[in-house]
N, C-alpha and C. Protein backbone atom coordinates (compact mmCIF):
# COMPACT_ATOMS: atom_id res chain seq x y z
N MET A 1 1.44 -11.18 -16.97
CA MET A 1 2.06 -9.94 -17.35
C MET A 1 1.70 -8.83 -16.37
N HIS A 2 0.44 -8.79 -15.91
CA HIS A 2 0.03 -7.73 -14.98
C HIS A 2 0.81 -7.79 -13.68
N ILE A 3 1.09 -8.98 -13.18
CA ILE A 3 1.81 -9.11 -11.93
C ILE A 3 3.22 -8.56 -12.07
N HIS A 4 3.79 -8.68 -13.26
CA HIS A 4 5.13 -8.14 -13.48
C HIS A 4 5.11 -6.62 -13.42
N LEU A 5 4.06 -5.98 -13.92
CA LEU A 5 3.94 -4.53 -13.86
C LEU A 5 3.81 -4.09 -12.41
N ALA A 6 3.00 -4.79 -11.65
CA ALA A 6 2.84 -4.44 -10.24
C ALA A 6 4.18 -4.56 -9.52
N ARG A 7 4.91 -5.60 -9.82
CA ARG A 7 6.22 -5.79 -9.22
C ARG A 7 7.16 -4.67 -9.64
N ALA A 8 7.10 -4.28 -10.91
CA ALA A 8 7.95 -3.20 -11.41
C ALA A 8 7.63 -1.88 -10.72
N VAL A 9 6.35 -1.62 -10.49
CA VAL A 9 5.96 -0.38 -9.81
C VAL A 9 6.57 -0.35 -8.42
N LEU A 10 6.45 -1.43 -7.69
CA LEU A 10 6.97 -1.43 -6.34
C LEU A 10 8.50 -1.43 -6.33
N ALA A 11 9.12 -2.11 -7.28
CA ALA A 11 10.57 -2.08 -7.37
C ALA A 11 11.05 -0.67 -7.73
N ALA A 12 10.37 -0.05 -8.67
CA ALA A 12 10.75 1.31 -9.06
C ALA A 12 10.61 2.27 -7.88
N SER A 13 9.64 2.00 -7.03
CA SER A 13 9.44 2.89 -5.89
C SER A 13 10.64 2.89 -4.96
N LEU A 14 11.41 1.82 -4.97
CA LEU A 14 12.58 1.76 -4.11
C LEU A 14 13.71 2.63 -4.64
N PHE A 15 13.69 2.93 -5.93
CA PHE A 15 14.80 3.64 -6.55
C PHE A 15 14.48 5.07 -6.97
N LEU A 16 13.23 5.38 -7.19
CA LEU A 16 12.87 6.72 -7.62
C LEU A 16 12.77 7.65 -6.43
N ALA A 17 13.29 8.82 -6.57
CA ALA A 17 13.23 9.80 -5.47
C ALA A 17 11.85 10.41 -5.39
N PRO A 18 11.38 10.72 -4.19
CA PRO A 18 10.09 11.39 -4.08
C PRO A 18 10.13 12.71 -4.84
N ALA A 19 9.07 12.97 -5.61
CA ALA A 19 9.09 14.16 -6.46
C ALA A 19 7.76 14.89 -6.48
N LEU A 20 7.02 14.83 -5.40
CA LEU A 20 5.73 15.51 -5.38
C LEU A 20 5.90 16.97 -4.99
N ALA A 21 5.24 17.84 -5.70
CA ALA A 21 5.34 19.26 -5.41
C ALA A 21 4.68 19.58 -4.07
N SER A 22 3.53 18.99 -3.79
CA SER A 22 2.86 19.24 -2.53
C SER A 22 2.28 17.94 -2.01
N ALA A 23 2.41 17.76 -0.71
CA ALA A 23 1.95 16.52 -0.12
C ALA A 23 1.73 16.74 1.37
N LYS A 24 1.02 15.81 2.01
CA LYS A 24 0.76 15.89 3.44
C LYS A 24 1.28 14.63 4.12
N THR A 25 1.96 14.81 5.23
CA THR A 25 2.49 13.68 5.99
C THR A 25 1.51 13.31 7.10
N TYR A 26 1.27 12.01 7.22
CA TYR A 26 0.34 11.48 8.22
C TYR A 26 1.10 10.60 9.21
N SER A 27 0.71 10.69 10.48
CA SER A 27 1.23 9.81 11.52
C SER A 27 0.39 8.55 11.53
N ILE A 28 1.07 7.41 11.65
CA ILE A 28 0.37 6.12 11.64
C ILE A 28 0.62 5.45 12.97
N PRO A 29 -0.37 5.19 13.81
CA PRO A 29 -1.66 5.87 13.84
C PRO A 29 -1.50 7.18 14.60
N ASP A 30 -2.49 7.98 14.52
CA ASP A 30 -2.51 9.21 15.29
C ASP A 30 -3.40 8.94 16.51
N PRO A 31 -3.04 9.22 17.71
CA PRO A 31 -2.01 10.13 18.19
C PRO A 31 -0.72 9.46 18.67
N ASN A 32 -0.58 8.16 18.63
CA ASN A 32 0.62 7.47 19.11
C ASN A 32 1.36 6.82 17.94
N PRO A 33 2.02 7.62 17.12
CA PRO A 33 2.56 7.10 15.87
C PRO A 33 3.76 6.17 16.03
N VAL A 34 3.81 5.17 15.15
CA VAL A 34 4.97 4.29 15.03
C VAL A 34 5.65 4.51 13.68
N ALA A 35 4.95 5.22 12.77
CA ALA A 35 5.49 5.48 11.44
C ALA A 35 4.81 6.71 10.85
N VAL A 36 5.38 7.19 9.75
CA VAL A 36 4.78 8.28 8.99
C VAL A 36 4.77 7.91 7.52
N VAL A 37 3.82 8.51 6.80
CA VAL A 37 3.72 8.34 5.35
C VAL A 37 3.24 9.67 4.77
N THR A 38 3.68 9.97 3.58
CA THR A 38 3.28 11.21 2.92
C THR A 38 2.43 10.89 1.70
N MET A 39 1.24 11.49 1.64
CA MET A 39 0.31 11.30 0.54
C MET A 39 0.23 12.57 -0.30
N PRO A 40 0.04 12.42 -1.61
CA PRO A 40 -0.08 13.59 -2.48
C PRO A 40 -1.30 14.44 -2.10
N ASP A 41 -1.15 15.75 -2.16
CA ASP A 41 -2.25 16.65 -1.82
C ASP A 41 -3.45 16.49 -2.75
N ASP A 42 -3.19 16.15 -4.03
CA ASP A 42 -4.32 16.05 -4.96
C ASP A 42 -5.02 14.70 -4.89
N TRP A 43 -4.56 13.82 -4.01
CA TRP A 43 -5.27 12.57 -3.74
C TRP A 43 -6.23 12.81 -2.59
N GLU A 44 -7.32 12.06 -2.56
CA GLU A 44 -8.29 12.17 -1.48
C GLU A 44 -7.84 11.26 -0.34
N SER A 45 -7.25 11.85 0.68
CA SER A 45 -6.72 11.09 1.81
C SER A 45 -7.61 11.28 3.03
N THR A 46 -7.79 10.18 3.77
CA THR A 46 -8.64 10.19 4.95
C THR A 46 -7.93 9.46 6.08
N GLU A 47 -7.87 10.09 7.24
CA GLU A 47 -7.35 9.39 8.39
C GLU A 47 -8.40 8.37 8.84
N ILE A 48 -7.94 7.15 9.06
CA ILE A 48 -8.81 6.07 9.52
C ILE A 48 -8.32 5.61 10.89
N ASP A 49 -9.06 4.73 11.52
CA ASP A 49 -8.79 4.31 12.89
C ASP A 49 -7.32 3.98 13.15
N LYS A 50 -6.70 3.21 12.27
CA LYS A 50 -5.33 2.75 12.52
C LYS A 50 -4.32 3.32 11.53
N GLY A 51 -4.72 4.34 10.74
CA GLY A 51 -3.77 4.88 9.78
C GLY A 51 -4.39 5.88 8.83
N VAL A 52 -4.11 5.70 7.54
CA VAL A 52 -4.60 6.61 6.51
C VAL A 52 -4.87 5.82 5.23
N GLU A 53 -5.90 6.26 4.50
CA GLU A 53 -6.18 5.69 3.20
C GLU A 53 -6.24 6.83 2.20
N SER A 54 -5.90 6.51 0.94
CA SER A 54 -5.85 7.56 -0.07
C SER A 54 -6.27 7.01 -1.42
N LEU A 55 -6.99 7.85 -2.17
CA LEU A 55 -7.47 7.51 -3.51
C LEU A 55 -6.91 8.54 -4.47
N SER A 56 -6.31 8.06 -5.56
CA SER A 56 -5.73 8.98 -6.54
C SER A 56 -6.79 9.90 -7.10
N ASP A 57 -6.36 11.06 -7.60
CA ASP A 57 -7.31 12.04 -8.10
C ASP A 57 -8.09 11.53 -9.30
N ASP A 58 -7.54 10.55 -10.03
CA ASP A 58 -8.28 9.95 -11.15
C ASP A 58 -9.07 8.71 -10.73
N GLU A 59 -9.06 8.41 -9.41
CA GLU A 59 -9.81 7.31 -8.80
C GLU A 59 -9.44 5.93 -9.35
N THR A 60 -8.16 5.76 -9.75
CA THR A 60 -7.72 4.47 -10.29
C THR A 60 -6.77 3.73 -9.36
N VAL A 61 -6.33 4.39 -8.30
CA VAL A 61 -5.38 3.78 -7.37
C VAL A 61 -5.85 4.03 -5.94
N TYR A 62 -5.85 2.97 -5.13
CA TYR A 62 -6.19 3.05 -3.71
C TYR A 62 -4.99 2.55 -2.93
N VAL A 63 -4.61 3.30 -1.90
CA VAL A 63 -3.51 2.91 -1.02
C VAL A 63 -3.96 3.17 0.42
N ALA A 64 -3.67 2.21 1.30
CA ALA A 64 -3.92 2.41 2.73
C ALA A 64 -2.71 1.92 3.51
N VAL A 65 -2.38 2.62 4.57
CA VAL A 65 -1.31 2.22 5.47
C VAL A 65 -1.90 2.21 6.87
N GLU A 66 -1.82 1.05 7.53
CA GLU A 66 -2.40 0.89 8.86
C GLU A 66 -1.42 0.17 9.77
N VAL A 67 -1.44 0.52 11.05
CA VAL A 67 -0.63 -0.15 12.04
C VAL A 67 -1.35 -1.43 12.47
N THR A 68 -0.57 -2.44 12.83
CA THR A 68 -1.13 -3.67 13.38
C THR A 68 -0.17 -4.22 14.42
N GLU A 69 -0.69 -4.99 15.32
CA GLU A 69 0.16 -5.73 16.25
C GLU A 69 0.73 -6.91 15.47
N LEU A 70 2.03 -7.15 15.56
CA LEU A 70 2.63 -8.25 14.80
C LEU A 70 2.02 -9.59 15.16
N LYS A 71 1.61 -9.74 16.43
CA LYS A 71 0.97 -11.01 16.83
C LYS A 71 -0.36 -11.22 16.10
N ASP A 72 -0.94 -10.13 15.57
CA ASP A 72 -2.21 -10.21 14.84
C ASP A 72 -2.01 -10.06 13.32
N ALA A 73 -0.79 -10.25 12.84
CA ALA A 73 -0.48 -10.00 11.43
C ALA A 73 -1.31 -10.86 10.49
N ALA A 74 -1.45 -12.14 10.78
CA ALA A 74 -2.23 -13.01 9.90
C ALA A 74 -3.68 -12.54 9.81
N LYS A 75 -4.24 -12.12 10.94
CA LYS A 75 -5.62 -11.61 10.95
C LYS A 75 -5.71 -10.30 10.17
N ALA A 76 -4.70 -9.45 10.29
CA ALA A 76 -4.71 -8.17 9.57
C ALA A 76 -4.73 -8.41 8.06
N ILE A 77 -3.95 -9.39 7.60
CA ILE A 77 -3.92 -9.71 6.17
C ILE A 77 -5.26 -10.30 5.74
N SER A 78 -5.80 -11.23 6.51
CA SER A 78 -7.10 -11.82 6.13
C SER A 78 -8.20 -10.77 6.18
N ASP A 79 -8.14 -9.85 7.15
CA ASP A 79 -9.12 -8.75 7.19
C ASP A 79 -9.00 -7.88 5.94
N GLY A 80 -7.76 -7.66 5.48
CA GLY A 80 -7.55 -6.88 4.26
C GLY A 80 -8.18 -7.53 3.05
N ILE A 81 -8.05 -8.84 2.95
CA ILE A 81 -8.64 -9.58 1.83
C ILE A 81 -10.17 -9.50 1.90
N ILE A 82 -10.71 -9.66 3.09
CA ILE A 82 -12.17 -9.56 3.27
C ILE A 82 -12.65 -8.16 2.89
N TRP A 83 -11.90 -7.13 3.31
CA TRP A 83 -12.28 -5.76 2.99
C TRP A 83 -12.26 -5.55 1.47
N LEU A 84 -11.22 -6.03 0.80
CA LEU A 84 -11.14 -5.89 -0.66
C LEU A 84 -12.35 -6.56 -1.32
N LYS A 85 -12.70 -7.75 -0.86
CA LYS A 85 -13.88 -8.44 -1.41
C LYS A 85 -15.14 -7.60 -1.21
N SER A 86 -15.25 -6.94 -0.06
CA SER A 86 -16.43 -6.11 0.22
C SER A 86 -16.51 -4.92 -0.74
N LYS A 87 -15.38 -4.55 -1.33
CA LYS A 87 -15.33 -3.44 -2.29
C LYS A 87 -15.44 -3.93 -3.73
N GLY A 88 -15.72 -5.23 -3.90
CA GLY A 88 -15.91 -5.78 -5.24
C GLY A 88 -14.63 -6.22 -5.93
N VAL A 89 -13.53 -6.28 -5.17
CA VAL A 89 -12.25 -6.72 -5.74
C VAL A 89 -12.15 -8.23 -5.61
N VAL A 90 -11.93 -8.90 -6.74
CA VAL A 90 -11.77 -10.35 -6.76
C VAL A 90 -10.36 -10.65 -7.25
N VAL A 91 -9.56 -11.33 -6.42
CA VAL A 91 -8.21 -11.68 -6.84
C VAL A 91 -8.20 -13.08 -7.43
N ASP A 92 -7.27 -13.31 -8.34
CA ASP A 92 -7.08 -14.63 -8.93
C ASP A 92 -6.02 -15.35 -8.10
N PRO A 93 -6.42 -16.34 -7.27
CA PRO A 93 -5.46 -17.02 -6.40
C PRO A 93 -4.29 -17.65 -7.17
N ALA A 94 -4.50 -18.02 -8.41
CA ALA A 94 -3.44 -18.64 -9.21
C ALA A 94 -2.30 -17.66 -9.51
N THR A 95 -2.55 -16.36 -9.39
CA THR A 95 -1.52 -15.36 -9.70
C THR A 95 -0.76 -14.90 -8.46
N GLN A 96 -1.08 -15.48 -7.30
CA GLN A 96 -0.44 -15.03 -6.05
C GLN A 96 1.07 -15.18 -6.11
N GLU A 97 1.74 -14.12 -5.72
CA GLU A 97 3.20 -14.14 -5.55
C GLU A 97 3.51 -13.54 -4.20
N LYS A 98 4.44 -14.18 -3.51
CA LYS A 98 4.85 -13.73 -2.19
C LYS A 98 6.35 -13.50 -2.24
N LYS A 99 6.80 -12.33 -1.75
CA LYS A 99 8.24 -12.06 -1.79
C LYS A 99 8.63 -11.14 -0.65
N PRO A 100 9.91 -11.16 -0.29
CA PRO A 100 10.39 -10.24 0.74
C PRO A 100 10.27 -8.80 0.27
N PHE A 101 10.11 -7.89 1.23
CA PHE A 101 9.97 -6.47 0.92
C PHE A 101 10.78 -5.69 1.94
N SER A 102 11.47 -4.66 1.49
CA SER A 102 12.26 -3.83 2.38
C SER A 102 12.20 -2.38 1.92
N ILE A 103 11.95 -1.47 2.86
CA ILE A 103 11.94 -0.04 2.54
C ILE A 103 12.33 0.74 3.80
N ASN A 104 13.27 1.63 3.66
CA ASN A 104 13.69 2.52 4.75
C ASN A 104 13.94 1.79 6.07
N GLY A 105 14.59 0.65 6.00
CA GLY A 105 14.95 -0.11 7.19
C GLY A 105 13.86 -1.02 7.72
N MET A 106 12.68 -1.00 7.11
CA MET A 106 11.60 -1.89 7.53
C MET A 106 11.60 -3.12 6.62
N GLU A 107 11.60 -4.28 7.23
CA GLU A 107 11.57 -5.54 6.49
C GLU A 107 10.17 -6.13 6.55
N GLY A 108 9.81 -6.87 5.51
CA GLY A 108 8.50 -7.49 5.52
C GLY A 108 8.30 -8.42 4.37
N VAL A 109 7.04 -8.68 4.09
CA VAL A 109 6.66 -9.58 3.01
C VAL A 109 5.51 -8.95 2.24
N GLN A 110 5.54 -9.12 0.93
CA GLN A 110 4.49 -8.61 0.07
C GLN A 110 3.81 -9.79 -0.62
N VAL A 111 2.48 -9.76 -0.62
CA VAL A 111 1.69 -10.75 -1.34
C VAL A 111 0.91 -9.98 -2.39
N GLN A 112 1.02 -10.40 -3.65
CA GLN A 112 0.34 -9.67 -4.72
C GLN A 112 -0.38 -10.62 -5.67
N TRP A 113 -1.40 -10.06 -6.31
CA TRP A 113 -2.23 -10.81 -7.22
C TRP A 113 -2.67 -9.91 -8.38
N THR A 114 -3.14 -10.53 -9.45
CA THR A 114 -3.95 -9.80 -10.42
C THR A 114 -5.39 -10.16 -10.08
N GLY A 115 -6.29 -9.33 -10.52
CA GLY A 115 -7.69 -9.57 -10.21
C GLY A 115 -8.56 -8.68 -11.06
N LYS A 116 -9.77 -8.45 -10.53
CA LYS A 116 -10.69 -7.57 -11.24
C LYS A 116 -11.62 -6.92 -10.22
N ASP A 117 -12.16 -5.77 -10.65
CA ASP A 117 -13.20 -5.11 -9.88
C ASP A 117 -14.29 -4.69 -10.86
N ASP A 118 -15.21 -3.86 -10.42
CA ASP A 118 -16.32 -3.46 -11.28
C ASP A 118 -15.86 -2.73 -12.54
N ASP A 119 -14.66 -2.14 -12.50
CA ASP A 119 -14.15 -1.38 -13.65
C ASP A 119 -13.25 -2.18 -14.56
N GLY A 120 -12.90 -3.43 -14.17
CA GLY A 120 -12.04 -4.24 -15.02
C GLY A 120 -10.84 -4.81 -14.28
N PRO A 121 -9.74 -5.07 -15.01
CA PRO A 121 -8.55 -5.68 -14.41
C PRO A 121 -7.94 -4.81 -13.32
N THR A 122 -7.35 -5.45 -12.32
CA THR A 122 -6.68 -4.76 -11.22
C THR A 122 -5.39 -5.46 -10.83
N HIS A 123 -4.55 -4.72 -10.18
CA HIS A 123 -3.38 -5.25 -9.48
C HIS A 123 -3.65 -5.01 -8.01
N VAL A 124 -3.36 -6.00 -7.19
CA VAL A 124 -3.65 -5.94 -5.76
C VAL A 124 -2.44 -6.43 -5.00
N SER A 125 -2.10 -5.74 -3.90
CA SER A 125 -1.07 -6.28 -3.02
C SER A 125 -1.37 -5.91 -1.58
N LEU A 126 -0.95 -6.78 -0.70
CA LEU A 126 -0.97 -6.55 0.74
C LEU A 126 0.45 -6.78 1.22
N THR A 127 1.02 -5.77 1.87
CA THR A 127 2.40 -5.85 2.33
C THR A 127 2.42 -5.64 3.83
N LEU A 128 3.12 -6.51 4.54
CA LEU A 128 3.28 -6.40 5.98
C LEU A 128 4.74 -6.07 6.25
N MET A 129 4.97 -4.98 6.99
CA MET A 129 6.33 -4.56 7.33
C MET A 129 6.46 -4.44 8.84
N GLN A 130 7.59 -4.90 9.37
CA GLN A 130 7.85 -4.79 10.80
C GLN A 130 8.41 -3.41 11.11
N VAL A 131 7.78 -2.73 12.09
CA VAL A 131 8.21 -1.40 12.49
C VAL A 131 8.99 -1.47 13.81
N SER A 132 8.55 -2.33 14.70
CA SER A 132 9.22 -2.52 16.00
C SER A 132 9.07 -3.99 16.36
N GLU A 133 9.47 -4.32 17.59
CA GLU A 133 9.34 -5.72 18.02
C GLU A 133 7.89 -6.18 18.07
N THR A 134 6.96 -5.24 18.29
CA THR A 134 5.55 -5.62 18.45
C THR A 134 4.62 -5.03 17.40
N LYS A 135 5.08 -4.01 16.67
CA LYS A 135 4.20 -3.30 15.73
C LYS A 135 4.62 -3.53 14.28
N GLY A 136 3.60 -3.54 13.43
CA GLY A 136 3.83 -3.66 12.00
C GLY A 136 2.93 -2.70 11.24
N LEU A 137 3.22 -2.55 9.96
CA LEU A 137 2.37 -1.77 9.07
C LEU A 137 1.81 -2.69 8.01
N VAL A 138 0.55 -2.50 7.67
CA VAL A 138 -0.05 -3.21 6.54
C VAL A 138 -0.31 -2.16 5.46
N LEU A 139 0.30 -2.38 4.31
CA LEU A 139 0.11 -1.51 3.15
C LEU A 139 -0.81 -2.25 2.18
N THR A 140 -2.00 -1.70 1.97
CA THR A 140 -2.97 -2.27 1.04
C THR A 140 -2.94 -1.44 -0.22
N TYR A 141 -2.85 -2.12 -1.36
CA TYR A 141 -2.73 -1.43 -2.65
C TYR A 141 -3.64 -2.12 -3.66
N TRP A 142 -4.39 -1.27 -4.42
CA TRP A 142 -5.27 -1.81 -5.44
C TRP A 142 -5.38 -0.77 -6.53
N ALA A 143 -5.12 -1.19 -7.77
CA ALA A 143 -5.10 -0.22 -8.87
C ALA A 143 -5.41 -0.88 -10.20
N SER A 144 -5.95 -0.07 -11.12
CA SER A 144 -6.09 -0.54 -12.49
C SER A 144 -4.71 -0.50 -13.13
N PRO A 145 -4.44 -1.34 -14.12
CA PRO A 145 -3.14 -1.29 -14.79
C PRO A 145 -2.83 0.10 -15.36
N GLU A 146 -3.84 0.75 -15.93
CA GLU A 146 -3.63 2.09 -16.50
C GLU A 146 -3.35 3.11 -15.40
N GLY A 147 -4.12 3.02 -14.32
CA GLY A 147 -3.93 3.94 -13.20
C GLY A 147 -2.55 3.79 -12.58
N GLU A 148 -2.09 2.57 -12.51
CA GLU A 148 -0.76 2.29 -11.98
C GLU A 148 0.30 3.01 -12.82
N LYS A 149 0.19 2.90 -14.13
CA LYS A 149 1.15 3.57 -15.02
C LYS A 149 1.07 5.08 -14.88
N GLU A 150 -0.15 5.62 -14.85
CA GLU A 150 -0.34 7.07 -14.79
C GLU A 150 0.11 7.67 -13.46
N ASN A 151 0.09 6.88 -12.40
CA ASN A 151 0.40 7.38 -11.06
C ASN A 151 1.72 6.84 -10.52
N LEU A 152 2.60 6.37 -11.39
CA LEU A 152 3.85 5.75 -10.95
C LEU A 152 4.69 6.69 -10.09
N LYS A 153 4.81 7.94 -10.47
CA LYS A 153 5.61 8.90 -9.71
C LYS A 153 5.03 9.08 -8.30
N GLU A 154 3.73 9.22 -8.20
CA GLU A 154 3.08 9.40 -6.91
C GLU A 154 3.22 8.14 -6.04
N LEU A 155 3.03 6.97 -6.66
CA LEU A 155 3.17 5.71 -5.93
C LEU A 155 4.59 5.55 -5.38
N SER A 156 5.56 5.87 -6.20
CA SER A 156 6.96 5.80 -5.76
C SER A 156 7.20 6.72 -4.58
N SER A 157 6.66 7.92 -4.64
CA SER A 157 6.83 8.88 -3.55
C SER A 157 6.17 8.39 -2.27
N ILE A 158 4.99 7.81 -2.38
CA ILE A 158 4.29 7.29 -1.20
C ILE A 158 5.13 6.19 -0.54
N ILE A 159 5.58 5.22 -1.33
CA ILE A 159 6.36 4.11 -0.80
C ILE A 159 7.65 4.62 -0.15
N ASN A 160 8.35 5.51 -0.85
CA ASN A 160 9.62 6.03 -0.34
C ASN A 160 9.42 6.88 0.92
N SER A 161 8.23 7.41 1.12
CA SER A 161 7.99 8.26 2.29
C SER A 161 7.72 7.47 3.57
N LEU A 162 7.44 6.19 3.45
CA LEU A 162 7.15 5.37 4.63
C LEU A 162 8.39 5.28 5.52
N LYS A 163 8.24 5.73 6.76
CA LYS A 163 9.38 5.70 7.69
C LYS A 163 8.89 5.32 9.07
N ALA A 164 9.64 4.42 9.70
CA ALA A 164 9.36 4.05 11.08
C ALA A 164 9.85 5.16 12.00
N LEU A 165 9.15 5.38 13.09
CA LEU A 165 9.57 6.32 14.14
C LEU A 165 10.11 5.49 15.28
N LYS A 166 11.39 5.60 15.52
CA LYS A 166 12.00 4.77 16.58
C LYS A 166 12.55 5.62 17.68
C-alpha cells in the first residue's frame, strides 16, 4: 500500500501546478548548470557539490537533485543507496518497483521502495533522468508516509520545477 502512495505522489506531481508562495531556484550544478529546480523557502535547502538537497520544515521529507555523467549512472544509483543506508534508511528489496519517468521533456527511470528509518516507515525513490547526451539528474527522495501526505503540494511543485537547460 505504501508504494502506491509514493507512486500517487509522483504521478500527482506531473499534473498539479506549482503553487508555492515563495521559493528559491537552484542551478544544478552551480556554476555550470545543466538543469534548475525550485525548492520551497521554508524548507532547509543546501547547495551540495553536484546539486542541492532539501529537508521539509517538518523534517519528514528529504529531496536531493544532483547531476551525474550518464556513463556513471549505475554508480550514481548505487552511491545513492549506500548514502541512504548511512542515514539509517533500510529499504525492503521485495517492494522494489521500477518504471519509466518523464517530466518537462526529460525521460528516465524511477526505482522505488518502502522501507524504514529510525522514525518508522518510509517511502524511498531514486530517479535517473537524462538531461543531455552525456548528463543526467539523480533525484533522491525519502519521506515518512505522513510527511508525504502533508507535503504533497510542495513535492508536486519541486518535481514540476525541474527543467533541463539546453
